[in-house]
Amino acid sequence: EAWSVVKPVVVSQFLERTAFYGLQASMVLFLTKYLHMKSGDADATVGFWGGVCYMTPLLGGYIGDSILGRWRGIQLFFVFYILGMV
């Protein structure tokens, strides 16, 4: 029974990491080629974006633990993340 709860979390985390690193790898190319940013500025922008992506779970964890509850918080923030990726 525990595996039925863990499986969706593991699958969603795998897909989320795949999407994150895939997007991060191509973002510099997009910023330089289509938005005509300088390479250094594009690298800094992608670095900042990556940092924000790694720091916002602290805020999400606080909101999930203190306001929404664990599973409701995971569901809500996962929907936000998917909408952001689209």
PDB file of N, CA and C in Angstrom:
ATOM      1  N   GLU A   1       0.818  -1.200   0.000  1.00  0.00           N
ATOM      2  CA  GLU A   1       0.000   0.000   0.000  1.00  0.00           C
ATOM      3  C   GLU A   1       0.862   1.266   0.000  1.00  0.00           C
ATOM      4  N   ALA A   2       1.986   1.218   0.689  1.00  0.00           N
ATOM      5  CA  ALA A   2       2.853   2.397   0.737  1.00  0.00           C
ATOM      6  C   ALA A   2       3.406   2.722  -0.646  1.00  0.00           C
ATOM      7  N   TRP A   3       3.672   1.697  -1.466  1.00  0.00           N
ATOM      8  CA  TRP A   3       4.214   1.934  -2.794  1.00  0.00           C
ATOM      9  C   TRP A   3       3.221   2.686  -3.671  1.00  0.00           C
ATOM     10  N   SER A   4       1.927   2.491  -3.467  1.00  0.00           N
ATOM     11  CA  SER A   4       0.929   3.206  -4.271  1.00  0.00           C
ATOM     12  C   SER A   4       0.970   4.709  -4.002  1.00  0.00           C
ATOM     13  N   VAL A   5       1.428   5.092  -2.834  1.00  0.00           N
ATOM     14  CA  VAL A   5       1.567   6.515  -2.515  1.00  0.00           C
ATOM     15  C   VAL A   5       2.894   7.052  -3.031  1.00  0.00           C
ATOM     16  N   VAL A   6       3.934   6.255  -2.962  1.00  0.00           N
ATOM     17  CA  VAL A   6       5.274   6.698  -3.338  1.00  0.00           C
ATOM     18  C   VAL A   6       5.436   6.780  -4.849  1.00  0.00           C
ATOM     19  N   LYS A   7       4.812   5.872  -5.576  1.00  0.00           N
ATOM     20  CA  LYS A   7       5.008   5.800  -7.025  1.00  0.00           C
ATOM     21  C   LYS A   7       4.697   7.116  -7.749  1.00  0.00           C
ATOM     22  N   PRO A   8       3.544   7.768  -7.508  1.00  0.00           N
ATOM     23  CA  PRO A   8       3.302   9.041  -8.214  1.00  0.00           C
ATOM     24  C   PRO A   8       4.312  10.132  -7.864  1.00  0.00           C
ATOM     25  N   VAL A   9       4.776  10.145  -6.628  1.00  0.00           N
ATOM     26  CA  VAL A   9       5.769  11.151  -6.224  1.00  0.00           C
ATOM     27  C   VAL A   9       7.090  10.904  -6.943  1.00  0.00           C
ATOM     28  N   VAL A  10       7.525   9.654  -7.016  1.00  0.00           N
ATOM     29  CA  VAL A  10       8.787   9.316  -7.685  1.00  0.00           C
ATOM     30  C   VAL A  10       8.701   9.635  -9.178  1.00  0.00           C
ATOM     31  N   VAL A  11       7.596   9.253  -9.800  1.00  0.00           N
ATOM     32  CA  VAL A  11       7.426   9.513 -11.238  1.00  0.00           C
ATOM     33  C   VAL A  11       7.391  11.013 -11.507  1.00  0.00           C
ATOM     34  N   SER A  12       6.632  11.761 -10.701  1.00  0.00           N
ATOM     35  CA  SER A  12       6.546  13.210 -10.935  1.00  0.00           C
ATOM     36  C   SER A  12       7.897  13.886 -10.709  1.00  0.00           C
ATOM     37  N   GLN A  13       8.664  13.429  -9.722  1.00  0.00           N
ATOM     38  CA  GLN A  13       9.981  14.018  -9.493  1.00  0.00           C
ATOM     39  C   GLN A  13      10.942  13.708 -10.635  1.00  0.00           C
ATOM     40  N   PHE A  14      10.889  12.509 -11.169  1.00  0.00           N
ATOM     41  CA  PHE A  14      11.720  12.154 -12.319  1.00  0.00           C
ATOM     42  C   PHE A  14      11.380  13.029 -13.519  1.00  0.00           C
ATOM     43  N   LEU A  15      10.093  13.174 -13.799  1.00  0.00           N
ATOM     44  CA  LEU A  15       9.680  13.997 -14.935  1.00  0.00           C
ATOM     45  C   LEU A  15      10.012  15.472 -14.721  1.00  0.00           C
ATOM     46  N   GLU A  16       9.862  15.930 -13.491  1.00  0.00           N
ATOM     47  CA  GLU A  16      10.159  17.328 -13.183  1.00  0.00           C
ATOM     48  C   GLU A  16      11.645  17.619 -13.353  1.00  0.00           C
ATOM     49  N   ARG A  17      12.516  16.748 -12.874  1.00  0.00           N
ATOM     50  CA  ARG A  17      13.956  16.946 -13.020  1.00  0.00           C
ATOM     51  C   ARG A  17      14.378  16.878 -14.482  1.00  0.00           C
ATOM     52  N   THR A  18      13.779  15.967 -15.227  1.00  0.00           N
ATOM     53  CA  THR A  18      14.081  15.863 -16.656  1.00  0.00           C
ATOM     54  C   THR A  18      13.703  17.160 -17.371  1.00  0.00           C
ATOM     55  N   ALA A  19      12.526  17.689 -17.062  1.00  0.00           N
ATOM     56  CA  ALA A  19      12.083  18.940 -17.678  1.00  0.00           C
ATOM     57  C   ALA A  19      12.964  20.112 -17.249  1.00  0.00           C
ATOM     58  N   PHE A  20      13.324  20.173 -15.968  1.00  0.00           N
ATOM     59  CA  PHE A  20      14.142  21.268 -15.462  1.00  0.00           C
ATOM     60  C   PHE A  20      15.494  21.324 -16.156  1.00  0.00           C
ATOM     61  N   TYR A  21      16.200  20.197 -16.184  1.00  0.00           N
ATOM     62  CA  TYR A  21      17.535  20.194 -16.789  1.00  0.00           C
ATOM     63  C   TYR A  21      17.479  20.351 -18.302  1.00  0.00           C
ATOM     64  N   GLY A  22      16.440  19.826 -18.923  1.00  0.00           N
ATOM     65  CA  GLY A  22      16.275  20.031 -20.364  1.00  0.00           C
ATOM     66  C   GLY A  22      16.031  21.489 -20.705  1.00  0.00           C
ATOM     67  N   LEU A  23      15.200  22.146 -19.909  1.00  0.00           N
ATOM     68  CA  LEU A  23      14.923  23.564 -20.135  1.00  0.00           C
ATOM     69  C   LEU A  23      16.141  24.418 -19.823  1.00  0.00           C
ATOM     70  N   GLN A  24      16.820  24.102 -18.744  1.00  0.00           N
ATOM     71  CA  GLN A  24      17.992  24.881 -18.359  1.00  0.00           C
ATOM     72  C   GLN A  24      19.089  24.793 -19.417  1.00  0.00           C
ATOM     73  N   ALA A  25      19.249  23.627 -20.002  1.00  0.00           N
ATOM     74  CA  ALA A  25      20.297  23.451 -21.008  1.00  0.00           C
ATOM     75  C   ALA A  25      20.018  24.261 -22.266  1.00  0.00           C
ATOM     76  N   SER A  26      18.772  24.376 -22.659  1.00  0.00           N
ATOM     77  CA  SER A  26      18.452  25.088 -23.898  1.00  0.00           C
ATOM     78  C   SER A  26      18.125  26.561 -23.681  1.00  0.00           C
ATOM     79  N   MET A  27      17.993  26.991 -22.431  1.00  0.00           N
ATOM     80  CA  MET A  27      17.603  28.374 -22.178  1.00  0.00           C
ATOM     81  C   MET A  27      18.679  29.371 -22.617  1.00  0.00           C
ATOM     82  N   VAL A  28      19.947  29.049 -22.422  1.00  0.00           N
ATOM     83  CA  VAL A  28      21.018  29.960 -22.836  1.00  0.00           C
ATOM     84  C   VAL A  28      20.985  30.146 -24.356  1.00  0.00           C
ATOM     85  N   LEU A  29      20.784  29.061 -25.071  1.00  0.00           N
ATOM     86  CA  LEU A  29      20.692  29.165 -26.531  1.00  0.00           C
ATOM     87  C   LEU A  29      19.512  30.030 -26.954  1.00  0.00           C
ATOM     88  N   PHE A  30      18.385  29.860 -26.299  1.00  0.00           N
ATOM     89  CA  PHE A  30      17.214  30.667 -26.623  1.00  0.00           C
ATOM     90  C   PHE A  30      17.459  32.147 -26.335  1.00  0.00           C
ATOM     91  N   LEU A  31      18.036  32.433 -25.182  1.00  0.00           N
ATOM     92  CA  LEU A  31      18.267  33.829 -24.807  1.00  0.00           C
ATOM     93  C   LEU A  31      19.257  34.518 -25.740  1.00  0.00           C
ATOM     94  N   THR A  32      20.276  33.799 -26.177  1.00  0.00           N
ATOM     95  CA  THR A  32      21.269  34.425 -27.056  1.00  0.00           C
ATOM     96  C   THR A  32      20.788  34.511 -28.499  1.00  0.00           C
ATOM     97  N   LYS A  33      20.127  33.468 -28.982  1.00  0.00           N
ATOM     98  CA  LYS A  33      19.742  33.436 -30.391  1.00  0.00           C
ATOM     99  C   LYS A  33      18.495  34.252 -30.687  1.00  0.00           C
ATOM    100  N   TYR A  34      17.465  34.110 -29.852  1.00  0.00           N
ATOM    101  CA  TYR A  34      16.185  34.748 -30.165  1.00  0.00           C
ATOM    102  C   TYR A  34      15.961  36.065 -29.425  1.00  0.00           C
ATOM    103  N   LEU A  35      16.505  36.203 -28.235  1.00  0.00           N
ATOM    104  CA  LEU A  35      16.359  37.458 -27.502  1.00  0.00           C
ATOM    105  C   LEU A  35      17.599  38.332 -27.609  1.00  0.00           C
ATOM    106  N   HIS A  36      18.615  37.840 -28.319  1.00  0.00           N
ATOM    107  CA  HIS A  36      19.844  38.581 -28.626  1.00  0.00           C
ATOM    108  C   HIS A  36      20.551  39.104 -27.383  1.00  0.00           C
ATOM    109  N   MET A  37      20.569  38.301 -26.326  1.00  0.00           N
ATOM    110  CA  MET A  37      21.327  38.648 -25.124  1.00  0.00           C
ATOM    111  C   MET A  37      22.790  38.304 -25.352  1.00  0.00           C
ATOM    112  N   LYS A  38      23.644  39.005 -24.657  1.00  0.00           N
ATOM    113  CA  LYS A  38      25.049  38.632 -24.660  1.00  0.00           C
ATOM    114  C   LYS A  38      25.192  37.320 -23.896  1.00  0.00           C
ATOM    115  N   SER A  39      26.209  36.565 -24.239  1.00  0.00           N
ATOM    116  CA  SER A  39      26.404  35.245 -23.644  1.00  0.00           C
ATOM    117  C   SER A  39      26.537  35.319 -22.121  1.00  0.00           C
ATOM    118  N   GLY A  40      27.289  36.289 -21.639  1.00  0.00           N
ATOM    119  CA  GLY A  40      27.464  36.443 -20.193  1.00  0.00           C
ATOM    120  C   GLY A  40      26.166  36.783 -19.485  1.00  0.00           C
ATOM    121  N   ASP A  41      25.367  37.661 -20.107  1.00  0.00           N
ATOM    122  CA  ASP A  41      24.075  38.011 -19.516  1.00  0.00           C
ATOM    123  C   ASP A  41      23.124  36.822 -19.518  1.00  0.00           C
ATOM    124  N   ALA A  42      23.145  36.041 -20.590  1.00  0.00           N
ATOM    125  CA  ALA A  42      22.296  34.851 -20.657  1.00  0.00           C
ATOM    126  C   ALA A  42      22.709  33.834 -19.600  1.00  0.00           C
ATOM    127  N   ASP A  43      24.010  33.649 -19.425  1.00  0.00           N
ATOM    128  CA  ASP A  43      24.491  32.725 -18.388  1.00  0.00           C
ATOM    129  C   ASP A  43      24.063  33.192 -16.997  1.00  0.00           C
ATOM    130  N   ALA A  44      24.173  34.484 -16.751  1.00  0.00           N
ATOM    131  CA  ALA A  44      23.774  35.018 -15.447  1.00  0.00           C
ATOM    132  C   ALA A  44      22.271  34.858 -15.227  1.00  0.00           C
ATOM    133  N   THR A  45      21.482  35.074 -16.267  1.00  0.00           N
ATOM    134  CA  THR A  45      20.036  34.937 -16.161  1.00  0.00           C
ATOM    135  C   THR A  45      19.651  33.491 -15.853  1.00  0.00           C
ATOM    136  N   VAL A  46      20.267  32.555 -16.556  1.00  0.00           N
ATOM    137  CA  VAL A  46      19.977  31.135 -16.320  1.00  0.00           C
ATOM    138  C   VAL A  46      20.460  30.723 -14.925  1.00  0.00           C
ATOM    139  N   GLY A  47      21.587  31.236 -14.497  1.00  0.00           N
ATOM    140  CA  GLY A  47      22.069  30.948 -13.149  1.00  0.00           C
ATOM    141  C   GLY A  47      21.133  31.478 -12.084  1.00  0.00           C
ATOM    142  N   PHE A  48      20.625  32.684 -12.285  1.00  0.00           N
ATOM    143  CA  PHE A  48      19.665  33.267 -11.343  1.00  0.00           C
ATOM    144  C   PHE A  48      18.384  32.453 -11.315  1.00  0.00           C
ATOM    145  N   TRP A  49      17.895  32.081 -12.498  1.00  0.00           N
ATOM    146  CA  TRP A  49      16.677  31.263 -12.591  1.00  0.00           C
ATOM    147  C   TRP A  49      16.871  29.929 -11.872  1.00  0.00           C
ATOM    148  N   GLY A  50      18.012  29.295 -12.068  1.00  0.00           N
ATOM    149  CA  GLY A  50      18.295  28.035 -11.381  1.00  0.00           C
ATOM    150  C   GLY A  50      18.339  28.215  -9.871  1.00  0.00           C
ATOM    151  N   GLY A  51      18.934  29.307  -9.427  1.00  0.00           N
ATOM    152  CA  GLY A  51      18.979  29.589  -7.993  1.00  0.00           C
ATOM    153  C   GLY A  51      17.606  29.802  -7.401  1.00  0.00           C
ATOM    154  N   VAL A  52      16.770  30.537  -8.112  1.00  0.00           N
ATOM    155  CA  VAL A  52      15.401  30.748  -7.648  1.00  0.00           C
ATOM    156  C   VAL A  52      14.646  29.424  -7.592  1.00  0.00           C
ATOM    157  N   CYS A  53      14.865  28.578  -8.590  1.00  0.00           N
ATOM    158  CA  CYS A  53      14.195  27.267  -8.604  1.00  0.00           C
ATOM    159  C   CYS A  53      14.621  26.405  -7.425  1.00  0.00           C
ATOM    160  N   TYR A  54      15.855  26.532  -6.992  1.00  0.00           N
ATOM    161  CA  TYR A  54      16.316  25.743  -5.857  1.00  0.00           C
ATOM    162  C   TYR A  54      15.951  26.367  -4.514  1.00  0.00           C
ATOM    163  N   MET A  55      15.690  27.675  -4.463  1.00  0.00           N
ATOM    164  CA  MET A  55      15.366  28.323  -3.196  1.00  0.00           C
ATOM    165  C   MET A  55      13.864  28.361  -2.898  1.00  0.00           C
ATOM    166  N   THR A  56      13.025  28.418  -3.924  1.00  0.00           N
ATOM    167  CA  THR A  56      11.588  28.522  -3.682  1.00  0.00           C
ATOM    168  C   THR A  56      10.973  27.313  -2.969  1.00  0.00           C
ATOM    169  N   PRO A  57      11.560  26.101  -3.032  1.00  0.00           N
ATOM    170  CA  PRO A  57      10.985  25.018  -2.222  1.00  0.00           C
ATOM    171  C   PRO A  57      10.997  25.303  -0.714  1.00  0.00           C
ATOM    172  N   LEU A  58      11.895  26.163  -0.255  1.00  0.00           N
ATOM    173  CA  LEU A  58      11.867  26.535   1.158  1.00  0.00           C
ATOM    174  C   LEU A  58      10.565  27.260   1.492  1.00  0.00           C
ATOM    175  N   LEU A  59      10.185  28.201   0.645  1.00  0.00           N
ATOM    176  CA  LEU A  59       8.919  28.911   0.840  1.00  0.00           C
ATOM    177  C   LEU A  59       7.740  27.954   0.670  1.00  0.00           C
ATOM    178  N   GLY A  60       7.798  27.110  -0.350  1.00  0.00           N
ATOM    179  CA  GLY A  60       6.734  26.148  -0.570  1.00  0.00           C
ATOM    180  C   GLY A  60       6.604  25.158   0.576  1.00  0.00           C
ATOM    181  N   GLY A  61       7.724  24.739   1.125  1.00  0.00           N
ATOM    182  CA  GLY A  61       7.697  23.833   2.273  1.00  0.00           C
ATOM    183  C   GLY A  61       7.064  24.476   3.489  1.00  0.00           C
ATOM    184  N   TYR A  62       7.389  25.719   3.709  1.00  0.00           N
ATOM    185  CA  TYR A  62       6.787  26.442   4.839  1.00  0.00           C
ATOM    186  C   TYR A  62       5.279  26.564   4.657  1.00  0.00           C
ATOM    187  N   ILE A  63       4.869  26.973   3.455  1.00  0.00           N
ATOM    188  CA  ILE A  63       3.431  27.123   3.194  1.00  0.00           C
ATOM    189  C   ILE A  63       2.732  25.768   3.284  1.00  0.00           C
ATOM    190  N   GLY A  64       3.351  24.738   2.709  1.00  0.00           N
ATOM    191  CA  GLY A  64       2.751  23.415   2.761  1.00  0.00           C
ATOM    192  C   GLY A  64       2.640  22.866   4.176  1.00  0.00           C
ATOM    193  N   ASP A  65       3.670  23.062   4.981  1.00  0.00           N
ATOM    194  CA  ASP A  65       3.649  22.513   6.341  1.00  0.00           C
ATOM    195  C   ASP A  65       2.750  23.301   7.282  1.00  0.00           C
ATOM    196  N   SER A  66       2.709  24.616   7.126  1.00  0.00           N
ATOM    197  CA  SER A  66       1.988  25.416   8.108  1.00  0.00           C
ATOM    198  C   SER A  66       0.571  25.790   7.685  1.00  0.00           C
ATOM    199  N   ILE A  67       0.282  25.805   6.387  1.00  0.00           N
ATOM    200  CA  ILE A  67      -1.026  26.292   5.943  1.00  0.00           C
ATOM    201  C   ILE A  67      -1.830  25.215   5.230  1.00  0.00           C
ATOM    202  N   LEU A  68      -1.254  24.610   4.197  1.00  0.00           N
ATOM    203  CA  LEU A  68      -2.018  23.732   3.319  1.00  0.00           C
ATOM    204  C   LEU A  68      -2.044  22.274   3.747  1.00  0.00           C
ATOM    205  N   GLY A  69      -1.026  21.820   4.401  1.00  0.00           N
ATOM    206  CA  GLY A  69      -0.883  20.396   4.660  1.00  0.00           C
ATOM    207  C   GLY A  69       0.002  19.778   3.592  1.00  0.00           C
ATOM    208  N   ARG A  70       0.594  18.627   3.906  1.00  0.00           N
ATOM    209  CA  ARG A  70       1.607  18.041   3.042  1.00  0.00           C
ATOM    210  C   ARG A  70       1.084  17.724   1.642  1.00  0.00           C
ATOM    211  N   TRP A  71       0.046  16.924   1.538  1.00  0.00           N
ATOM    212  CA  TRP A  71      -0.383  16.455   0.221  1.00  0.00           C
ATOM    213  C   TRP A  71      -1.070  17.541  -0.588  1.00  0.00           C
ATOM    214  N   ARG A  72      -1.849  18.372   0.055  1.00  0.00           N
ATOM    215  CA  ARG A  72      -2.490  19.480  -0.661  1.00  0.00           C
ATOM    216  C   ARG A  72      -1.440  20.454  -1.181  1.00  0.00           C
ATOM    217  N   GLY A  73      -0.404  20.692  -0.391  1.00  0.00           N
ATOM    218  CA  GLY A  73       0.678  21.564  -0.831  1.00  0.00           C
ATOM    219  C   GLY A  73       1.430  20.994  -2.021  1.00  0.00           C
ATOM    220  N   ILE A  74       1.724  19.691  -1.975  1.00  0.00           N
ATOM    221  CA  ILE A  74       2.413  19.053  -3.100  1.00  0.00           C
ATOM    222  C   ILE A  74       1.584  19.152  -4.361  1.00  0.00           C
ATOM    223  N   GLN A  75       0.307  18.861  -4.258  1.00  0.00           N
ATOM    224  CA  GLN A  75      -0.567  18.916  -5.430  1.00  0.00           C
ATOM    225  C   GLN A  75      -0.663  20.332  -5.998  1.00  0.00           C
ATOM    226  N   LEU A  76      -0.870  21.306  -5.136  1.00  0.00           N
ATOM    227  CA  LEU A  76      -1.029  22.687  -5.597  1.00  0.00           C
ATOM    228  C   LEU A  76       0.242  23.206  -6.259  1.00  0.00           C
ATOM    229  N   PHE A  77       1.379  23.010  -5.615  1.00  0.00           N
ATOM    230  CA  PHE A  77       2.618  23.552  -6.169  1.00  0.00           C
ATOM    231  C   PHE A  77       3.080  22.787  -7.399  1.00  0.00           C
ATOM    232  N   PHE A  78       2.729  21.506  -7.486  1.00  0.00           N
ATOM    233  CA  PHE A  78       3.046  20.750  -8.693  1.00  0.00           C
ATOM    234  C   PHE A  78       2.252  21.288  -9.879  1.00  0.00           C
ATOM    235  N   VAL A  79       0.985  21.642  -9.653  1.00  0.00           N
ATOM    236  CA  VAL A  79       0.178  22.237 -10.721  1.00  0.00           C
ATOM    237  C   VAL A  79       0.785  23.568 -11.156  1.00  0.00           C
ATOM    238  N   PHE A  80       1.196  24.396 -10.203  1.00  0.00           N
ATOM    239  CA  PHE A  80       1.847  25.666 -10.541  1.00  0.00           C
ATOM    240  C   PHE A  80       3.108  25.436 -11.372  1.00  0.00           C
ATOM    241  N   TYR A  81       3.886  24.431 -10.987  1.00  0.00           N
ATOM    242  CA  TYR A  81       5.127  24.140 -11.688  1.00  0.00           C
ATOM    243  C   TYR A  81       4.844  23.714 -13.123  1.00  0.00           C
ATOM    244  N   ILE A  82       3.878  22.843 -13.304  1.00  0.00           N
ATOM    245  CA  ILE A  82       3.530  22.380 -14.657  1.00  0.00           C
ATOM    246  C   ILE A  82       3.017  23.541 -15.494  1.00  0.00           C
ATOM    247  N   LEU A  83       2.179  24.390 -14.930  1.00  0.00           N
ATOM    248  CA  LEU A  83       1.701  25.565 -15.674  1.00  0.00           C
ATOM    249  C   LEU A  83       2.854  26.482 -16.051  1.00  0.00           C
ATOM    250  N   GLY A  84       3.826  26.622 -15.181  1.00  0.00           N
ATOM    251  CA  GLY A  84       4.995  27.424 -15.500  1.00  0.00           C
ATOM    252  C   GLY A  84       5.843  26.826 -16.613  1.00  0.00           C
ATOM    253  N   MET A  85       5.887  25.511 -16.691  1.00  0.00           N
ATOM    254  CA  MET A  85       6.658  24.861 -17.740  1.00  0.00           C
ATOM    255  C   MET A  85       5.970  24.983 -19.101  1.00  0.00           C
ATOM    256  N   VAL A  86       4.658  25.097 -19.079  1.00  0.00           N
ATOM    257  CA  VAL A  86       3.910  25.206 -20.350  1.00  0.00           C
ATOM    258  C   VAL A  86       4.116  26.596 -20.875  1.00  0.00           C
TER     259      VAL A  86
END
